[in-house]
Amino acid sequence: MNDVFLPGLRTSRATIAEVAAAAGVSKASVSRYISGDRRLLSDSLAARIEQAVTALDFQPNQMARGLKRGRSRLIGMLVADLLNPYSTAVMHGVETACRQQGYSLLICNTDQDARQERQQLAALQSYSIEGLIVNTFGQHAADLRQLGSRLPLVLLDRELPGVEADLVGLDNYQAIASGVAHLQQQGYRDLLLVSEPLNGTSSRVQRLTAFEALLVEHPSCQGAHCTEADDPQALQAALAGFLASPGPGPKAVLTANGVATLATTLALQALGEPLFERIGLLALDDLDWFPLVGGGISALAQPTHALGVAAFERLQQRIDGDRSAPTQQTFSAELRIRQSTRARNCS
């Protein structure tokens, strides 16, 4: 196949030397023009350079310019699972904030694999990032501590043992408290919390701990938990046992994130359980497909965009020289009621 060239379309990036030659000026004058330092340029000289820049479609190499000043304008983000809708939504908030402030975002996905995490950390360092946002299991905490000693680091959603850094995340106690209170008010008395395996993940541990503590505050309710949302057969067995067991009243499942919600919905369907006829469901996270299932799945929505923006803003403060003690910034979940938690008669 022959290459097709459009009129006026260059096949390579124009250089400062080409702009200087076209404008009949020195390369130093072009450098001053594109850097905004035009005090030594006459109006006619600046006009000639502008005309040459436009004609050649000159695009300055921002990375090279930044590195000369000791700034790459590049932010790294280490993500445990890029397929997780939460990760994607938060990442969008980070990227939006980066773009508005003139930064670019470099994303590395560990795929929840310890070997990949170490490799991606090494890759991020090689790109001269100015700061790093971390949303992983932290299986190489020593590497992260070492990296954090050299550049600003912000943790997103998950605390990492031994890593002293700013944290931005959900107020997990508030979210679970809101969920349990809603289920209790709607007449549910027998509750099951479904989560992915804890694996030391602080947000998952905090949600389970809050659930257990809140049951004490709601003595009319009883509760249990299942941390096998990643095992379809085990989850089906747990749900079947929960449905069959005697209890103090109507039953409901509280899922700890979007992944657990999908797994629970599929498990209930596999069991032949008509969705939400005799069991309620309340999800932490609110995904696009929730309104489409069984009259809609009630949700505790995380402000994912705001979380991403806040993580970047805190990182930018560190990049700009803030050396204060690490902080924790938490956000509240918003209860969105749909048919999966319609009121039940608990008498």
Protein backbone atom coordinates (compact mmCIF):
# COMPACT_ATOMS: atom_id res chain seq x y z
CA MET A 1 0.00 0.00 0.00
CA ASN A 2 1.41 3.42 -0.96
CA ASP A 3 1.72 6.06 1.72
CA VAL A 4 -0.79 8.87 1.38
CA PHE A 5 0.38 12.39 2.20
CA LEU A 6 -2.10 15.17 2.78
CA PRO A 7 -1.17 18.61 1.46
CA GLY A 8 0.70 20.60 4.06
CA LEU A 9 0.98 17.65 6.48
CA ARG A 10 4.50 17.13 7.84
CA THR A 11 5.77 13.62 8.54
CA SER A 12 8.17 14.78 11.28
CA ARG A 13 8.18 17.38 14.04
CA ALA A 14 9.53 20.80 13.04
CA THR A 15 12.66 21.85 14.91
CA ILE A 16 13.68 25.15 16.47
CA ALA A 17 16.41 25.39 13.83
CA GLU A 18 13.82 25.14 11.03
CA VAL A 19 11.65 27.81 12.65
CA ALA A 20 14.69 30.07 13.06
CA ALA A 21 15.68 29.57 9.42
CA ALA A 22 12.14 30.27 8.18
CA ALA A 23 11.88 33.44 10.30
CA GLY A 24 15.44 34.57 9.54
CA VAL A 25 16.34 34.81 13.22
CA SER A 26 18.60 32.98 15.68
CA LYS A 27 17.59 29.86 17.56
CA ALA A 28 18.00 31.84 20.79
CA SER A 29 15.31 34.26 19.62
CA VAL A 30 12.93 31.36 18.87
CA SER A 31 13.63 29.86 22.31
CA ARG A 32 12.81 33.18 23.96
CA TYR A 33 9.60 33.42 21.97
CA ILE A 34 8.26 29.97 22.83
CA SER A 35 9.28 30.27 26.51
CA GLY A 36 7.36 33.54 26.85
CA ASP A 37 10.47 35.65 27.50
CA ARG A 38 9.93 38.21 24.75
CA ARG A 39 11.36 41.32 26.39
CA LEU A 40 14.38 41.36 24.03
CA LEU A 41 12.30 40.71 20.90
CA SER A 42 10.95 43.55 18.79
CA ASP A 43 7.35 43.38 17.65
CA SER A 44 8.39 42.71 14.06
CA LEU A 45 10.77 39.93 15.13
CA ALA A 46 8.09 38.28 17.26
CA ALA A 47 5.62 38.53 14.37
CA ARG A 48 8.07 36.78 12.00
CA ILE A 49 8.65 33.98 14.50
CA GLU A 50 4.91 33.59 15.07
CA GLN A 51 4.36 33.34 11.31
CA ALA A 52 7.06 30.66 11.00
CA VAL A 53 5.69 28.70 13.98
CA THR A 54 2.23 28.68 12.42
CA ALA A 55 3.44 27.78 8.93
CA LEU A 56 5.57 24.88 10.20
CA ASP A 57 3.00 23.77 12.81
CA PHE A 58 5.80 23.85 15.36
CA GLN A 59 5.01 22.03 18.63
CA PRO A 60 7.54 22.61 21.44
CA ASN A 61 8.78 19.48 23.17
CA GLN A 62 7.34 20.24 26.60
CA MET A 63 9.03 17.25 28.21
CA ALA A 64 12.48 18.30 27.07
CA ARG A 65 11.87 21.91 28.12
CA GLY A 66 10.62 20.77 31.52
CA LEU A 67 13.59 18.49 32.14
CA LYS A 68 16.00 21.36 31.41
CA ARG A 69 14.29 23.21 34.28
CA GLY A 70 14.29 20.12 36.50
CA ARG A 71 10.54 19.61 35.96
CA SER A 72 8.96 16.81 33.92
CA ARG A 73 5.32 17.87 34.54
CA LEU A 74 4.64 14.13 34.75
CA ILE A 75 2.61 12.45 37.51
CA GLY A 76 2.61 8.69 38.07
CA MET A 77 -0.35 6.62 39.22
CA LEU A 78 0.02 3.03 40.38
CA VAL A 79 -3.27 1.12 40.18
CA ALA A 80 -3.98 -2.39 41.52
CA ASP A 81 -6.73 -3.28 39.06
CA LEU A 82 -7.48 -1.17 36.02
CA LEU A 83 -10.58 -3.27 35.29
CA ASN A 84 -12.18 -2.24 38.58
CA PRO A 85 -14.77 0.48 37.81
CA TYR A 86 -13.75 2.36 40.96
CA SER A 87 -10.16 2.60 39.73
CA THR A 88 -11.24 3.86 36.33
CA ALA A 89 -13.58 6.48 37.78
CA VAL A 90 -11.02 7.82 40.27
CA MET A 91 -8.33 7.81 37.60
CA HIS A 92 -10.53 10.04 35.44
CA GLY A 93 -10.66 12.57 38.28
CA VAL A 94 -6.89 12.48 38.65
CA GLU A 95 -6.34 12.88 34.90
CA THR A 96 -8.77 15.79 34.65
CA ALA A 97 -7.04 17.65 37.48
CA CYS A 98 -3.60 16.93 35.98
CA ARG A 99 -4.61 18.28 32.59
CA GLN A 100 -6.07 21.46 34.07
CA GLN A 101 -2.77 22.17 35.84
CA GLY A 102 -0.53 21.35 32.90
CA TYR A 103 0.58 17.90 34.04
CA SER A 104 0.45 14.59 32.20
CA LEU A 105 -0.55 11.34 33.89
CA LEU A 106 1.39 8.09 33.51
CA ILE A 107 -0.71 5.09 34.61
CA CYS A 108 0.75 1.73 35.59
CA ASN A 109 -1.50 -1.25 36.32
CA THR A 110 -0.14 -3.95 38.66
CA ASP A 111 -3.02 -6.36 37.94
CA GLN A 112 -2.86 -7.24 41.66
CA ASP A 113 0.43 -9.03 41.01
CA ALA A 114 3.43 -8.51 43.32
CA ARG A 115 6.00 -8.96 40.54
CA GLN A 116 4.20 -6.47 38.31
CA GLU A 117 4.03 -3.97 41.15
CA ARG A 118 7.83 -3.99 41.56
CA GLN A 119 8.39 -3.73 37.79
CA GLN A 120 5.94 -0.86 37.45
CA LEU A 121 7.53 1.02 40.33
CA ALA A 122 10.89 0.76 38.58
CA ALA A 123 9.33 1.93 35.30
CA LEU A 124 7.74 4.95 36.97
CA GLN A 125 11.08 6.05 38.40
CA SER A 126 12.71 5.83 34.98
CA TYR A 127 10.23 8.36 33.61
CA SER A 128 11.31 11.10 36.05
CA ILE A 129 7.86 11.56 37.55
CA GLU A 130 7.42 14.49 39.94
CA GLY A 131 5.03 12.65 42.24
CA LEU A 132 3.11 9.40 42.62
CA ILE A 133 -0.48 8.46 43.50
CA VAL A 134 -0.77 4.90 44.81
CA ASN A 135 -3.86 2.66 44.82
CA THR A 136 -2.44 -0.85 45.30
CA PHE A 137 -2.09 -3.57 47.93
CA GLY A 138 1.43 -2.26 48.61
CA GLN A 139 3.07 -5.65 48.38
CA HIS A 140 6.44 -3.91 48.16
CA ALA A 141 6.10 -1.42 50.98
CA ALA A 142 9.89 -1.08 51.32
CA ASP A 143 10.16 -0.01 47.67
CA LEU A 144 7.35 2.49 48.16
CA ARG A 145 8.98 3.89 51.31
CA GLN A 146 12.25 4.30 49.43
CA LEU A 147 10.48 6.00 46.54
CA GLY A 148 8.50 8.19 48.93
CA SER A 149 11.76 9.44 50.45
CA ARG A 150 12.73 10.87 47.07
CA LEU A 151 9.48 12.26 45.71
CA PRO A 152 5.98 13.21 46.92
CA LEU A 153 3.55 10.31 47.34
CA VAL A 154 -0.20 10.22 48.04
CA LEU A 155 -2.15 7.08 48.94
CA LEU A 156 -5.60 6.66 47.45
CA ASP A 157 -8.25 4.59 49.28
CA ARG A 158 -5.78 2.26 51.00
CA GLU A 159 -3.36 2.75 53.86
CA LEU A 160 -0.04 0.90 53.48
CA PRO A 161 1.77 -0.34 56.60
CA GLY A 162 5.03 1.48 57.15
CA VAL A 163 4.39 4.04 54.41
CA GLU A 164 3.94 7.52 55.90
CA ALA A 165 2.10 9.55 53.30
CA ASP A 166 -1.04 11.58 52.75
CA LEU A 167 -4.20 9.53 52.30
CA VAL A 168 -7.32 10.42 50.33
CA GLY A 169 -10.28 8.07 50.57
CA LEU A 170 -13.81 7.27 51.62
CA ASP A 171 -15.06 7.64 55.18
CA ASN A 172 -15.69 3.92 55.44
CA TYR A 173 -17.41 4.06 58.84
CA GLN A 174 -19.83 6.73 57.61
CA ALA A 175 -20.62 4.74 54.47
CA ILE A 176 -21.35 1.49 56.30
CA ALA A 177 -23.26 3.32 59.06
CA SER A 178 -25.45 4.97 56.45
CA GLY A 179 -26.05 1.60 54.79
CA VAL A 180 -26.91 -0.32 57.95
CA ALA A 181 -29.21 2.48 59.15
CA HIS A 182 -31.04 2.51 55.81
CA LEU A 183 -31.53 -1.25 55.80
CA GLN A 184 -32.77 -1.19 59.38
CA GLN A 185 -35.20 1.63 58.59
CA GLN A 186 -36.52 -0.30 55.59
CA GLY A 187 -37.35 -3.27 57.80
CA TYR A 188 -34.39 -5.57 57.13
CA ARG A 189 -33.20 -7.43 60.19
CA ASP A 190 -30.88 -10.19 58.91
CA LEU A 191 -27.83 -8.76 57.14
CA LEU A 192 -24.91 -10.27 55.23
CA LEU A 193 -21.83 -8.24 54.27
CA VAL A 194 -20.16 -9.53 51.09
CA SER A 195 -16.60 -8.45 50.34
CA GLU A 196 -13.61 -9.48 48.33
CA PRO A 197 -10.88 -11.20 50.39
CA LEU A 198 -9.49 -8.75 52.93
CA ASN A 199 -5.79 -9.42 52.12
CA GLY A 200 -4.84 -6.73 54.61
CA THR A 201 -6.51 -4.06 52.44
CA SER A 202 -7.30 -1.25 54.88
CA SER A 203 -10.54 -0.09 53.23
CA ARG A 204 -11.99 -3.63 53.21
CA VAL A 205 -10.93 -4.24 56.81
CA GLN A 206 -12.43 -0.91 57.90
CA ARG A 207 -15.75 -1.69 56.23
CA LEU A 208 -16.02 -5.09 57.89
CA THR A 209 -14.98 -3.67 61.27
CA ALA A 210 -17.58 -0.92 60.97
CA PHE A 211 -20.27 -3.44 60.01
CA GLU A 212 -19.57 -5.58 63.06
CA ALA A 213 -19.50 -2.56 65.38
CA LEU A 214 -22.74 -1.16 63.98
CA LEU A 215 -24.62 -4.40 64.55
CA VAL A 216 -24.05 -3.83 68.25
CA GLU A 217 -25.74 -0.44 67.89
CA HIS A 218 -28.73 -2.06 66.11
CA PRO A 219 -29.70 -4.91 68.46
CA SER A 220 -32.83 -5.65 66.42
CA CYS A 221 -30.53 -6.82 63.59
CA GLN A 222 -28.21 -9.75 63.28
CA GLY A 223 -25.38 -10.05 60.79
CA ALA A 224 -22.74 -12.22 59.19
CA HIS A 225 -20.08 -11.68 56.56
CA CYS A 226 -18.60 -13.44 53.54
CA THR A 227 -15.20 -12.41 52.12
CA GLU A 228 -15.25 -14.72 49.11
CA ALA A 229 -16.70 -12.49 46.41
CA ASP A 230 -13.89 -13.65 44.12
CA ASP A 231 -14.98 -17.31 44.36
CA PRO A 232 -18.35 -17.88 42.61
CA GLN A 233 -18.97 -21.32 44.11
CA ALA A 234 -18.08 -20.25 47.64
CA LEU A 235 -20.22 -17.15 47.31
CA GLN A 236 -23.20 -19.11 46.01
CA ALA A 237 -22.89 -21.50 48.95
CA ALA A 238 -22.72 -18.61 51.42
CA LEU A 239 -25.78 -16.93 49.89
CA ALA A 240 -27.73 -20.20 49.81
CA GLY A 241 -26.94 -20.78 53.48
CA PHE A 242 -27.90 -17.21 54.34
CA LEU A 243 -31.24 -17.52 52.55
CA ALA A 244 -32.01 -20.84 54.22
CA SER A 245 -31.04 -19.86 57.75
CA PRO A 246 -33.60 -18.64 60.28
CA GLY A 247 -33.34 -14.99 61.25
CA PRO A 248 -35.06 -12.15 63.05
CA GLY A 249 -36.72 -10.77 59.92
CA PRO A 250 -36.30 -9.84 56.25
CA LYS A 251 -32.86 -10.47 54.77
CA ALA A 252 -30.56 -8.11 52.91
CA VAL A 253 -27.02 -8.19 51.50
CA LEU A 254 -24.66 -5.25 51.86
CA THR A 255 -21.88 -5.47 49.28
CA ALA A 256 -18.56 -3.78 50.06
CA ASN A 257 -17.74 -2.58 46.52
CA GLY A 258 -18.81 -2.79 42.88
CA VAL A 259 -16.93 -6.03 42.24
CA ALA A 260 -18.73 -7.72 45.14
CA THR A 261 -22.06 -6.38 43.89
CA LEU A 262 -21.64 -7.92 40.46
CA ALA A 263 -20.52 -11.23 41.97
CA THR A 264 -23.51 -11.25 44.36
CA THR A 265 -26.01 -10.44 41.60
CA LEU A 266 -24.64 -13.24 39.41
CA ALA A 267 -24.66 -15.67 42.33
CA LEU A 268 -28.30 -14.90 43.16
CA GLN A 269 -29.24 -15.45 39.52
CA ALA A 270 -27.31 -18.75 39.48
CA LEU A 271 -29.29 -19.83 42.55
CA GLY A 272 -32.53 -19.05 40.71
CA GLU A 273 -33.39 -16.37 43.27
CA PRO A 274 -35.85 -13.77 41.90
CA LEU A 275 -33.90 -10.58 42.40
CA PHE A 276 -35.00 -8.58 45.41
CA GLU A 277 -38.35 -10.32 45.92
CA ARG A 278 -37.38 -11.82 49.27
CA ILE A 279 -33.87 -10.43 49.71
CA GLY A 280 -32.67 -6.84 49.63
CA LEU A 281 -29.38 -5.58 48.22
CA LEU A 282 -27.45 -2.41 49.02
CA ALA A 283 -24.15 -1.75 47.24
CA LEU A 284 -21.18 0.38 48.18
CA ASP A 285 -20.27 2.11 44.89
CA ASP A 286 -22.78 3.09 42.24
CA LEU A 287 -22.16 1.74 38.76
CA ASP A 288 -23.92 2.52 35.50
CA TRP A 289 -25.69 -0.85 35.34
CA PHE A 290 -27.24 -0.68 38.83
CA PRO A 291 -30.47 1.07 37.73
CA LEU A 292 -31.05 -1.66 35.11
CA VAL A 293 -31.32 -4.64 37.47
CA GLY A 294 -34.43 -5.68 39.38
CA GLY A 295 -35.96 -2.21 39.51
CA GLY A 296 -32.57 -0.75 40.38
CA ILE A 297 -29.93 -1.51 42.99
CA SER A 298 -29.72 0.93 45.89
CA ALA A 299 -26.22 2.29 46.34
CA LEU A 300 -23.82 4.15 48.58
CA ALA A 301 -22.12 6.21 45.88
CA GLN A 302 -18.50 7.21 46.31
CA PRO A 303 -17.54 10.68 44.99
CA THR A 304 -14.91 9.08 42.76
CA HIS A 305 -14.18 12.16 40.65
CA ALA A 306 -13.72 14.32 43.75
CA LEU A 307 -11.44 11.68 45.28
CA GLY A 308 -9.21 11.71 42.21
CA VAL A 309 -9.07 15.50 42.10
CA ALA A 310 -8.29 15.70 45.82
CA ALA A 311 -5.48 13.15 45.49
CA PHE A 312 -3.84 15.19 42.73
CA GLU A 313 -4.33 18.50 44.56
CA ARG A 314 -2.66 17.12 47.69
CA LEU A 315 0.19 15.76 45.58
CA GLN A 316 0.61 19.12 43.85
CA GLN A 317 0.87 20.83 47.25
CA ARG A 318 3.69 18.43 48.14
CA ILE A 319 5.42 19.04 44.81
CA ASP A 320 5.19 22.78 45.46
CA GLY A 321 7.04 22.39 48.75
CA ASP A 322 4.51 21.53 51.49
CA ARG A 323 6.48 19.61 54.15
CA SER A 324 3.79 19.38 56.84
CA ALA A 325 2.88 16.10 58.56
CA PRO A 326 0.88 13.55 56.50
CA THR A 327 -2.87 14.12 56.46
CA GLN A 328 -5.97 12.03 55.87
CA GLN A 329 -8.79 13.49 53.79
CA THR A 330 -12.01 11.47 53.77
CA PHE A 331 -15.22 11.87 51.79
CA SER A 332 -18.77 10.75 52.59
CA ALA A 333 -20.83 8.30 50.54
CA GLU A 334 -24.21 9.37 49.14
CA LEU A 335 -27.19 7.04 49.66
CA ARG A 336 -29.17 6.49 46.43
CA ILE A 337 -32.34 4.52 47.06
CA ARG A 338 -33.83 2.21 44.43
CA GLN A 339 -36.11 -0.81 44.43
CA SER A 340 -33.59 -3.34 45.77
CA THR A 341 -34.11 -1.96 49.29
CA ARG A 342 -37.83 -1.27 49.19
CA ALA A 343 -39.55 -1.27 52.58
CA ARG A 344 -40.32 -4.66 54.13
CA ASN A 345 -42.74 -5.73 56.83
CA CYS A 346 -40.55 -6.98 59.66
CA SER A 347 -43.37 -8.03 61.95
